[in-house]
N, C-alpha and C. Protein backbone atom coordinates (compact mmCIF):
# COMPACT_ATOMS: atom_id res chain seq x y z
N MET A 1 124.43 53.02 27.54
CA MET A 1 123.38 52.23 26.93
C MET A 1 123.85 50.83 26.54
N LYS A 2 125.09 50.75 26.02
CA LYS A 2 125.55 49.46 25.51
C LYS A 2 125.76 48.42 26.61
N TYR A 3 125.77 48.85 27.87
CA TYR A 3 125.96 47.92 28.98
C TYR A 3 124.64 47.39 29.56
N ILE A 4 123.52 47.89 29.07
CA ILE A 4 122.23 47.45 29.58
C ILE A 4 122.03 45.94 29.42
N PRO A 5 122.31 45.35 28.24
CA PRO A 5 122.13 43.89 28.12
C PRO A 5 122.98 43.11 29.11
N SER A 6 124.22 43.53 29.30
CA SER A 6 125.10 42.85 30.26
C SER A 6 124.56 42.99 31.68
N ALA A 7 124.03 44.16 32.00
CA ALA A 7 123.46 44.39 33.33
C ALA A 7 122.23 43.51 33.55
N LEU A 8 121.43 43.32 32.51
CA LEU A 8 120.26 42.46 32.62
C LEU A 8 120.67 41.00 32.84
N VAL A 9 121.70 40.56 32.12
CA VAL A 9 122.21 39.19 32.32
C VAL A 9 122.74 39.05 33.75
N LEU A 10 123.52 40.01 34.19
CA LEU A 10 124.06 39.98 35.56
C LEU A 10 122.94 39.96 36.59
N SER A 11 121.87 40.69 36.34
CA SER A 11 120.76 40.72 37.30
C SER A 11 120.18 39.32 37.50
N ARG A 12 120.13 38.50 36.44
CA ARG A 12 119.62 37.13 36.57
C ARG A 12 120.55 36.29 37.44
N PHE A 13 121.85 36.47 37.26
CA PHE A 13 122.80 35.77 38.12
C PHE A 13 122.60 36.16 39.58
N LEU A 14 122.34 37.43 39.82
CA LEU A 14 122.20 37.92 41.19
C LEU A 14 120.86 37.54 41.82
N ILE A 15 119.80 37.47 41.03
CA ILE A 15 118.47 37.11 41.54
C ILE A 15 118.41 35.63 41.91
N SER A 16 119.07 34.79 41.13
CA SER A 16 118.95 33.32 41.29
C SER A 16 119.17 32.82 42.71
N PRO A 17 120.28 33.17 43.37
CA PRO A 17 120.46 32.65 44.73
C PRO A 17 119.45 33.18 45.73
N PHE A 18 118.90 34.37 45.49
CA PHE A 18 117.88 34.90 46.39
C PHE A 18 116.58 34.11 46.29
N LEU A 19 116.29 33.57 45.10
CA LEU A 19 115.12 32.71 44.96
C LEU A 19 115.30 31.45 45.80
N LEU A 20 116.48 30.87 45.72
CA LEU A 20 116.79 29.68 46.51
C LEU A 20 116.75 29.99 48.00
N TRP A 21 117.29 31.12 48.37
CA TRP A 21 117.28 31.54 49.78
C TRP A 21 115.84 31.67 50.28
N ASP A 22 114.95 32.22 49.44
CA ASP A 22 113.55 32.40 49.83
C ASP A 22 112.87 31.05 50.09
N ALA A 23 113.28 30.01 49.37
CA ALA A 23 112.65 28.68 49.51
C ALA A 23 113.36 27.79 50.52
N PHE A 24 114.43 28.28 51.09
CA PHE A 24 115.28 27.42 51.93
C PHE A 24 114.55 26.81 53.13
N ASP A 25 113.54 27.50 53.64
CA ASP A 25 112.80 26.99 54.79
C ASP A 25 111.63 26.09 54.39
N GLY A 26 111.54 25.75 53.10
CA GLY A 26 110.49 24.85 52.64
C GLY A 26 109.22 25.54 52.18
N LYS A 27 109.22 26.85 52.18
CA LYS A 27 108.09 27.60 51.65
C LYS A 27 108.62 28.88 51.01
N THR A 28 107.81 29.47 50.14
CA THR A 28 108.26 30.69 49.48
C THR A 28 107.30 31.82 49.80
N THR A 29 107.78 33.03 49.55
CA THR A 29 106.98 34.22 49.78
C THR A 29 106.64 34.85 48.43
N VAL A 30 105.89 35.92 48.47
CA VAL A 30 105.55 36.65 47.26
C VAL A 30 106.82 37.19 46.57
N TRP A 31 107.88 37.36 47.35
CA TRP A 31 109.14 37.87 46.78
C TRP A 31 109.74 36.88 45.78
N PHE A 32 109.44 35.61 45.97
CA PHE A 32 109.93 34.61 45.01
C PHE A 32 109.34 34.91 43.63
N ILE A 33 108.04 35.08 43.56
CA ILE A 33 107.37 35.35 42.28
C ILE A 33 107.84 36.68 41.70
N ILE A 34 107.96 37.70 42.54
CA ILE A 34 108.43 39.01 42.07
C ILE A 34 109.84 38.89 41.50
N GLY A 35 110.72 38.20 42.22
CA GLY A 35 112.10 38.01 41.74
C GLY A 35 112.14 37.21 40.46
N TYR A 36 111.33 36.15 40.39
CA TYR A 36 111.31 35.33 39.19
C TYR A 36 110.80 36.12 37.98
N ILE A 37 109.74 36.90 38.17
CA ILE A 37 109.21 37.71 37.06
C ILE A 37 110.27 38.71 36.59
N ALA A 38 110.98 39.32 37.52
CA ALA A 38 112.05 40.25 37.15
C ALA A 38 113.14 39.52 36.36
N ALA A 39 113.51 38.32 36.80
CA ALA A 39 114.52 37.54 36.08
C ALA A 39 114.03 37.14 34.70
N PHE A 40 112.77 36.73 34.60
CA PHE A 40 112.19 36.34 33.33
C PHE A 40 112.18 37.52 32.35
N LEU A 41 111.78 38.69 32.83
CA LEU A 41 111.76 39.87 31.97
C LEU A 41 113.17 40.27 31.54
N SER A 42 114.14 40.10 32.44
CA SER A 42 115.52 40.42 32.05
C SER A 42 115.99 39.47 30.95
N ASP A 43 115.52 38.23 30.98
CA ASP A 43 115.88 37.26 29.95
C ASP A 43 115.28 37.64 28.60
N ILE A 44 114.10 38.17 28.61
CA ILE A 44 113.47 38.60 27.35
C ILE A 44 114.20 39.82 26.79
N PHE A 45 114.41 40.81 27.63
CA PHE A 45 114.89 42.09 27.13
C PHE A 45 116.39 42.18 26.91
N ASP A 46 117.20 41.32 27.53
CA ASP A 46 118.64 41.42 27.30
C ASP A 46 118.98 41.21 25.82
N GLY A 47 118.39 40.19 25.21
CA GLY A 47 118.67 39.92 23.80
C GLY A 47 118.06 40.94 22.87
N VAL A 48 116.84 41.37 23.16
CA VAL A 48 116.17 42.38 22.33
C VAL A 48 116.98 43.67 22.31
N ILE A 49 117.37 44.12 23.49
CA ILE A 49 118.13 45.37 23.60
C ILE A 49 119.51 45.21 22.97
N ALA A 50 120.16 44.06 23.19
CA ALA A 50 121.49 43.84 22.62
C ALA A 50 121.45 43.91 21.09
N ARG A 51 120.43 43.29 20.50
CA ARG A 51 120.32 43.34 19.04
C ARG A 51 120.05 44.75 18.55
N ARG A 52 119.18 45.47 19.25
CA ARG A 52 118.87 46.85 18.84
C ARG A 52 120.08 47.77 18.96
N LEU A 53 120.90 47.53 19.98
CA LEU A 53 122.09 48.36 20.17
C LEU A 53 123.28 47.88 19.36
N GLY A 54 123.14 46.71 18.74
CA GLY A 54 124.24 46.16 17.94
C GLY A 54 125.39 45.62 18.78
N VAL A 55 125.09 45.18 20.02
CA VAL A 55 126.15 44.67 20.89
C VAL A 55 126.00 43.18 21.17
N SER A 56 125.11 42.51 20.44
CA SER A 56 124.94 41.06 20.62
C SER A 56 126.15 40.35 20.04
N ASN A 57 126.81 39.55 20.87
CA ASN A 57 127.98 38.79 20.42
C ASN A 57 128.03 37.46 21.15
N ALA A 58 128.96 36.61 20.75
CA ALA A 58 129.03 35.25 21.32
C ALA A 58 129.23 35.28 22.84
N LYS A 59 130.08 36.18 23.32
CA LYS A 59 130.36 36.24 24.76
C LYS A 59 129.10 36.60 25.56
N LEU A 60 128.35 37.59 25.07
CA LEU A 60 127.12 38.00 25.76
C LEU A 60 126.08 36.89 25.69
N ARG A 61 125.95 36.21 24.55
CA ARG A 61 124.97 35.15 24.39
C ARG A 61 125.31 33.96 25.29
N GLN A 62 126.61 33.66 25.43
CA GLN A 62 127.02 32.58 26.35
C GLN A 62 126.71 32.96 27.79
N ALA A 63 126.99 34.21 28.16
CA ALA A 63 126.68 34.66 29.52
C ALA A 63 125.17 34.58 29.77
N ASP A 64 124.38 34.92 28.76
CA ASP A 64 122.93 34.81 28.85
C ASP A 64 122.52 33.36 29.11
N SER A 65 123.12 32.44 28.39
CA SER A 65 122.82 31.01 28.60
C SER A 65 123.20 30.56 30.00
N TRP A 66 124.37 30.98 30.48
CA TRP A 66 124.80 30.59 31.83
C TRP A 66 123.89 31.21 32.90
N ALA A 67 123.40 32.43 32.65
CA ALA A 67 122.47 33.05 33.60
C ALA A 67 121.17 32.24 33.66
N ASP A 68 120.72 31.75 32.50
CA ASP A 68 119.52 30.90 32.47
C ASP A 68 119.75 29.61 33.25
N VAL A 69 120.90 29.00 33.06
CA VAL A 69 121.22 27.76 33.78
C VAL A 69 121.21 28.03 35.28
N SER A 70 121.85 29.10 35.70
CA SER A 70 121.89 29.46 37.12
C SER A 70 120.47 29.67 37.66
N LEU A 71 119.66 30.42 36.92
CA LEU A 71 118.30 30.71 37.35
C LEU A 71 117.49 29.43 37.52
N TYR A 72 117.52 28.55 36.53
CA TYR A 72 116.64 27.38 36.59
C TYR A 72 117.18 26.27 37.49
N ILE A 73 118.47 26.25 37.76
CA ILE A 73 118.97 25.33 38.78
C ILE A 73 118.47 25.79 40.15
N CYS A 74 118.51 27.08 40.41
CA CYS A 74 118.01 27.61 41.69
C CYS A 74 116.51 27.40 41.81
N ILE A 75 115.78 27.53 40.71
CA ILE A 75 114.33 27.29 40.75
C ILE A 75 114.04 25.81 41.00
N ALA A 76 114.79 24.93 40.34
CA ALA A 76 114.59 23.49 40.56
C ALA A 76 114.88 23.12 42.02
N ALA A 77 115.97 23.65 42.57
CA ALA A 77 116.29 23.38 43.97
C ALA A 77 115.22 23.96 44.89
N SER A 78 114.73 25.14 44.56
CA SER A 78 113.65 25.76 45.35
C SER A 78 112.39 24.91 45.30
N ALA A 79 112.06 24.40 44.12
CA ALA A 79 110.88 23.54 43.97
C ALA A 79 111.04 22.28 44.80
N TRP A 80 112.24 21.72 44.81
CA TRP A 80 112.49 20.51 45.60
C TRP A 80 112.30 20.80 47.09
N LEU A 81 112.75 21.96 47.53
CA LEU A 81 112.61 22.32 48.94
C LEU A 81 111.16 22.63 49.32
N ALA A 82 110.43 23.30 48.45
CA ALA A 82 109.10 23.79 48.82
C ALA A 82 107.95 22.95 48.26
N TYR A 83 108.19 22.21 47.19
CA TYR A 83 107.09 21.49 46.52
C TYR A 83 107.48 20.06 46.15
N ARG A 84 108.23 19.42 47.01
CA ARG A 84 108.72 18.06 46.74
C ARG A 84 107.60 17.09 46.35
N PRO A 85 106.46 17.06 47.03
CA PRO A 85 105.39 16.12 46.63
C PRO A 85 104.91 16.33 45.19
N VAL A 86 104.84 17.59 44.75
CA VAL A 86 104.42 17.87 43.38
C VAL A 86 105.46 17.33 42.39
N LEU A 87 106.73 17.53 42.70
CA LEU A 87 107.78 17.04 41.81
C LEU A 87 107.78 15.52 41.75
N ILE A 88 107.59 14.87 42.88
CA ILE A 88 107.55 13.40 42.91
C ILE A 88 106.35 12.89 42.11
N ALA A 89 105.23 13.58 42.19
CA ALA A 89 104.04 13.18 41.42
C ALA A 89 104.24 13.34 39.92
N HIS A 90 105.18 14.19 39.53
CA HIS A 90 105.46 14.43 38.11
C HIS A 90 106.85 13.91 37.73
N LYS A 91 107.29 12.85 38.39
CA LYS A 91 108.66 12.37 38.19
C LYS A 91 108.93 11.89 36.77
N VAL A 92 107.96 11.31 36.08
CA VAL A 92 108.20 10.79 34.73
C VAL A 92 108.53 11.93 33.75
N PRO A 93 107.67 12.96 33.60
CA PRO A 93 108.04 14.03 32.67
C PRO A 93 109.28 14.80 33.11
N LEU A 94 109.46 14.96 34.42
CA LEU A 94 110.66 15.64 34.90
C LEU A 94 111.91 14.84 34.58
N PHE A 95 111.84 13.52 34.75
CA PHE A 95 112.98 12.68 34.42
C PHE A 95 113.31 12.80 32.93
N LEU A 96 112.29 12.80 32.08
CA LEU A 96 112.52 12.88 30.64
C LEU A 96 113.22 14.18 30.24
N VAL A 97 112.74 15.30 30.77
CA VAL A 97 113.36 16.57 30.40
C VAL A 97 114.76 16.70 30.99
N ILE A 98 114.97 16.18 32.19
CA ILE A 98 116.32 16.22 32.78
C ILE A 98 117.27 15.33 31.99
N PHE A 99 116.81 14.14 31.60
CA PHE A 99 117.62 13.25 30.77
C PHE A 99 117.97 13.93 29.44
N ALA A 100 116.98 14.55 28.80
CA ALA A 100 117.22 15.22 27.52
C ALA A 100 118.22 16.37 27.68
N GLN A 101 118.11 17.12 28.76
CA GLN A 101 119.05 18.22 28.99
C GLN A 101 120.46 17.72 29.28
N LEU A 102 120.58 16.64 30.05
CA LEU A 102 121.92 16.07 30.32
C LEU A 102 122.55 15.52 29.05
N LEU A 103 121.73 14.88 28.21
CA LEU A 103 122.22 14.39 26.92
C LEU A 103 122.66 15.57 26.05
N TRP A 104 121.88 16.65 26.06
CA TRP A 104 122.23 17.87 25.32
C TRP A 104 123.59 18.38 25.76
N TRP A 105 123.79 18.45 27.09
CA TRP A 105 125.08 18.91 27.62
C TRP A 105 126.21 18.00 27.14
N ALA A 106 126.02 16.68 27.26
CA ALA A 106 127.07 15.74 26.89
C ALA A 106 127.43 15.87 25.41
N VAL A 107 126.44 15.92 24.55
CA VAL A 107 126.70 16.03 23.11
C VAL A 107 127.47 17.30 22.80
N ASN A 108 127.05 18.41 23.39
CA ASN A 108 127.73 19.68 23.13
C ASN A 108 129.15 19.71 23.69
N LEU A 109 129.34 19.16 24.86
CA LEU A 109 130.69 19.15 25.45
C LEU A 109 131.63 18.26 24.65
N VAL A 110 131.12 17.12 24.18
CA VAL A 110 131.95 16.22 23.38
C VAL A 110 132.31 16.88 22.05
N LYS A 111 131.34 17.49 21.38
CA LYS A 111 131.60 18.05 20.05
C LYS A 111 132.33 19.39 20.10
N TYR A 112 131.88 20.29 20.96
CA TYR A 112 132.42 21.65 20.97
C TYR A 112 133.30 21.99 22.17
N GLY A 113 133.22 21.18 23.22
CA GLY A 113 133.97 21.49 24.43
C GLY A 113 133.29 22.54 25.30
N LYS A 114 132.09 22.95 24.91
CA LYS A 114 131.32 23.93 25.67
C LYS A 114 129.85 23.80 25.27
N PRO A 115 128.95 24.33 26.09
CA PRO A 115 127.53 24.24 25.74
C PRO A 115 127.19 25.11 24.53
N ALA A 116 126.18 24.69 23.81
CA ALA A 116 125.69 25.49 22.69
C ALA A 116 124.97 26.72 23.23
N SER A 117 124.80 27.70 22.36
CA SER A 117 124.10 28.93 22.72
C SER A 117 123.25 29.36 21.52
N TYR A 118 122.30 28.49 21.15
CA TYR A 118 121.54 28.69 19.93
C TYR A 118 120.43 29.72 20.06
N HIS A 119 119.76 29.78 21.18
CA HIS A 119 118.62 30.68 21.38
C HIS A 119 117.56 30.46 20.31
N THR A 120 117.13 29.22 20.19
CA THR A 120 116.18 28.80 19.17
C THR A 120 114.76 29.27 19.50
N TYR A 121 113.90 29.16 18.48
CA TYR A 121 112.48 29.42 18.70
C TYR A 121 111.92 28.45 19.74
N SER A 122 112.36 27.19 19.67
CA SER A 122 111.86 26.21 20.64
C SER A 122 112.32 26.56 22.06
N ALA A 123 113.51 27.17 22.19
CA ALA A 123 113.96 27.62 23.52
C ALA A 123 113.07 28.73 24.05
N LYS A 124 112.68 29.63 23.15
CA LYS A 124 111.79 30.72 23.56
C LYS A 124 110.42 30.16 23.98
N PHE A 125 109.91 29.20 23.22
CA PHE A 125 108.63 28.58 23.57
C PHE A 125 108.75 27.83 24.90
N TRP A 126 109.88 27.12 25.09
CA TRP A 126 110.10 26.44 26.37
C TRP A 126 110.14 27.46 27.51
N GLY A 127 110.80 28.60 27.27
CA GLY A 127 110.86 29.63 28.30
C GLY A 127 109.48 30.11 28.72
N ILE A 128 108.57 30.25 27.75
CA ILE A 128 107.20 30.67 28.05
C ILE A 128 106.50 29.59 28.89
N THR A 129 106.67 28.32 28.49
CA THR A 129 106.02 27.25 29.25
C THR A 129 106.64 27.10 30.64
N LEU A 130 107.94 27.35 30.75
CA LEU A 130 108.58 27.34 32.07
C LEU A 130 108.02 28.45 32.94
N PHE A 131 107.84 29.62 32.35
CA PHE A 131 107.28 30.75 33.09
C PHE A 131 105.90 30.38 33.66
N ILE A 132 105.06 29.81 32.81
CA ILE A 132 103.72 29.42 33.25
C ILE A 132 103.81 28.36 34.35
N ALA A 133 104.68 27.37 34.17
CA ALA A 133 104.81 26.30 35.17
C ALA A 133 105.34 26.83 36.50
N VAL A 134 106.33 27.71 36.44
CA VAL A 134 106.91 28.25 37.68
C VAL A 134 105.89 29.11 38.42
N VAL A 135 105.19 29.97 37.70
CA VAL A 135 104.18 30.81 38.34
C VAL A 135 103.04 29.93 38.89
N ALA A 136 102.63 28.91 38.14
CA ALA A 136 101.58 28.01 38.62
C ALA A 136 102.02 27.30 39.89
N LEU A 137 103.26 26.81 39.91
CA LEU A 137 103.75 26.06 41.08
C LEU A 137 103.97 26.97 42.28
N PHE A 138 104.75 28.02 42.10
CA PHE A 138 105.13 28.86 43.24
C PHE A 138 104.05 29.87 43.61
N GLY A 139 103.18 30.20 42.67
CA GLY A 139 102.14 31.17 42.97
C GLY A 139 100.82 30.55 43.37
N PHE A 140 100.54 29.33 42.83
CA PHE A 140 99.23 28.73 43.05
C PHE A 140 99.29 27.28 43.53
N ASP A 141 100.48 26.81 43.89
CA ASP A 141 100.67 25.43 44.37
C ASP A 141 100.13 24.39 43.38
N TYR A 142 100.32 24.65 42.10
CA TYR A 142 99.76 23.77 41.07
C TYR A 142 100.85 23.33 40.11
N GLY A 143 100.92 22.02 39.87
CA GLY A 143 101.84 21.47 38.87
C GLY A 143 101.06 21.14 37.61
N GLY A 144 100.32 20.07 37.67
CA GLY A 144 99.39 19.64 36.62
C GLY A 144 99.85 19.82 35.20
N ILE A 145 98.94 20.27 34.36
CA ILE A 145 99.20 20.37 32.93
C ILE A 145 100.30 21.38 32.62
N ALA A 146 100.44 22.42 33.43
CA ALA A 146 101.50 23.42 33.19
C ALA A 146 102.88 22.77 33.28
N LEU A 147 103.08 21.94 34.29
CA LEU A 147 104.36 21.26 34.46
C LEU A 147 104.58 20.21 33.37
N TRP A 148 103.54 19.45 33.06
CA TRP A 148 103.63 18.46 31.98
C TRP A 148 104.00 19.14 30.66
N LEU A 149 103.30 20.22 30.31
CA LEU A 149 103.56 20.92 29.05
C LEU A 149 104.99 21.44 28.99
N SER A 150 105.46 22.02 30.07
CA SER A 150 106.81 22.53 30.11
C SER A 150 107.84 21.41 29.91
N CYS A 151 107.59 20.26 30.52
CA CYS A 151 108.51 19.13 30.37
C CYS A 151 108.50 18.58 28.94
N ILE A 152 107.33 18.51 28.33
CA ILE A 152 107.24 18.02 26.95
C ILE A 152 107.95 18.98 26.00
N VAL A 153 107.67 20.26 26.13
CA VAL A 153 108.31 21.26 25.26
C VAL A 153 109.82 21.27 25.49
N GLY A 154 110.24 21.17 26.74
CA GLY A 154 111.68 21.15 27.05
C GLY A 154 112.38 19.94 26.46
N THR A 155 111.72 18.80 26.47
CA THR A 155 112.31 17.59 25.89
C THR A 155 112.44 17.73 24.38
N ILE A 156 111.38 18.20 23.73
CA ILE A 156 111.43 18.41 22.27
C ILE A 156 112.53 19.42 21.92
N HIS A 157 112.57 20.51 22.66
CA HIS A 157 113.60 21.54 22.45
C HIS A 157 115.01 20.95 22.58
N SER A 158 115.23 20.16 23.61
CA SER A 158 116.55 19.58 23.84
C SER A 158 116.97 18.69 22.67
N PHE A 159 116.05 17.87 22.18
CA PHE A 159 116.40 17.00 21.07
C PHE A 159 116.60 17.78 19.77
N GLU A 160 115.85 18.86 19.58
CA GLU A 160 116.10 19.70 18.40
C GLU A 160 117.53 20.25 18.45
N GLU A 161 117.93 20.74 19.60
CA GLU A 161 119.27 21.32 19.70
C GLU A 161 120.37 20.26 19.65
N ILE A 162 120.09 19.05 20.10
CA ILE A 162 121.06 17.96 19.94
C ILE A 162 121.28 17.69 18.45
N ILE A 163 120.19 17.62 17.71
CA ILE A 163 120.31 17.40 16.25
C ILE A 163 121.06 18.56 15.60
N MET A 164 120.79 19.77 16.03
CA MET A 164 121.50 20.93 15.49
C MET A 164 123.00 20.83 15.75
N THR A 165 123.37 20.39 16.93
CA THR A 165 124.78 20.24 17.26
C THR A 165 125.42 19.17 16.37
N LEU A 166 124.69 18.10 16.12
CA LEU A 166 125.22 17.05 15.25
C LEU A 166 125.34 17.53 13.80
N VAL A 167 124.48 18.45 13.39
CA VAL A 167 124.47 18.96 12.02
C VAL A 167 125.54 20.03 11.79
N LEU A 168 125.69 20.93 12.74
CA LEU A 168 126.61 22.06 12.55
C LEU A 168 128.07 21.64 12.74
N PRO A 169 128.94 22.00 11.80
CA PRO A 169 130.33 21.57 11.90
C PRO A 169 131.15 22.31 12.97
N THR A 170 130.76 23.55 13.28
CA THR A 170 131.49 24.33 14.27
C THR A 170 130.50 25.01 15.22
N TRP A 171 131.01 25.40 16.39
CA TRP A 171 130.18 26.08 17.37
C TRP A 171 129.71 27.40 16.77
N THR A 172 128.43 27.65 16.87
CA THR A 172 127.81 28.87 16.34
C THR A 172 126.73 29.31 17.31
N HIS A 173 126.62 30.60 17.52
CA HIS A 173 125.56 31.09 18.41
C HIS A 173 124.41 31.67 17.60
N ASP A 174 123.25 31.75 18.23
CA ASP A 174 122.05 32.35 17.64
C ASP A 174 121.62 31.68 16.33
N VAL A 175 121.37 30.39 16.39
CA VAL A 175 120.82 29.63 15.27
C VAL A 175 119.38 29.30 15.68
N LEU A 176 118.42 29.82 14.94
CA LEU A 176 117.03 29.85 15.41
C LEU A 176 116.27 28.54 15.34
N SER A 177 116.69 27.59 14.52
CA SER A 177 115.96 26.32 14.40
C SER A 177 116.81 25.31 13.67
N ILE A 178 116.31 24.08 13.61
CA ILE A 178 117.00 23.03 12.86
C ILE A 178 117.08 23.41 11.39
N PHE A 179 116.06 24.08 10.87
CA PHE A 179 116.07 24.51 9.47
C PHE A 179 117.17 25.53 9.21
N HIS A 180 117.35 26.45 10.15
CA HIS A 180 118.44 27.43 10.03
C HIS A 180 119.80 26.73 10.13
N ALA A 181 119.89 25.72 10.98
CA ALA A 181 121.15 24.96 11.11
C ALA A 181 121.49 24.24 9.81
N LEU A 182 120.48 23.63 9.19
CA LEU A 182 120.72 22.94 7.91
C LEU A 182 121.15 23.92 6.83
N GLN A 183 120.52 25.08 6.80
CA GLN A 183 120.89 26.11 5.82
C GLN A 183 122.32 26.59 6.07
N LEU A 184 122.66 26.82 7.33
CA LEU A 184 124.01 27.27 7.68
C LEU A 184 125.04 26.21 7.31
N ARG A 185 124.70 24.95 7.53
CA ARG A 185 125.62 23.87 7.16
C ARG A 185 125.87 23.87 5.65
N ARG A 186 124.81 24.03 4.86
CA ARG A 186 124.96 24.10 3.40
C ARG A 186 125.85 25.27 3.00
N GLU A 187 125.63 26.43 3.63
CA GLU A 187 126.44 27.61 3.32
C GLU A 187 127.91 27.40 3.67
N LEU A 188 128.16 26.75 4.80
CA LEU A 188 129.54 26.52 5.22
C LEU A 188 130.25 25.48 4.37
N SER A 189 129.49 24.56 3.79
CA SER A 189 130.12 23.51 2.97
C SER A 189 130.38 23.96 1.54
N ASN A 190 129.83 25.13 1.15
CA ASN A 190 130.07 25.65 -0.21
C ASN A 190 131.31 26.48 -0.29
């Protein structure tokens, strides 16, 4: 039982390249959506199950974050291969969220030497908007408001976590919001 969360994280790593493979010819099949939904569900349940089993730790949470990075890099590459005109039409919000994420990476690497693994409420909300945007794009050939919303939420989320990194004195995993980060900072300084 205690290996279920790790298996779910591993499943996301394994599904990611198959999504890219499905889009390699410039179009996707129904298997893309099925694989993505399976990966999305694994992302939800790995943390829930880990907490219930008492096996949630920094190493598992970091692996979870890396699985997410792998998944969404493959989805972005798949979108570029299969839906390039939609991405070009939404270049401004996409540029903003990509810039915010790159800045997030830089701040975390400079301060901690590794990416943060906060798993904030805003990250969960971004995940929901990403799910809607990915299903809209790959399932219905639609970017529109779903893609805009996901980019806006992702940008806000990235800046929240940048501020959290600047506030927290040491690398910490599972900090749910900027308010939790401020509270943790106060506790650590006492």
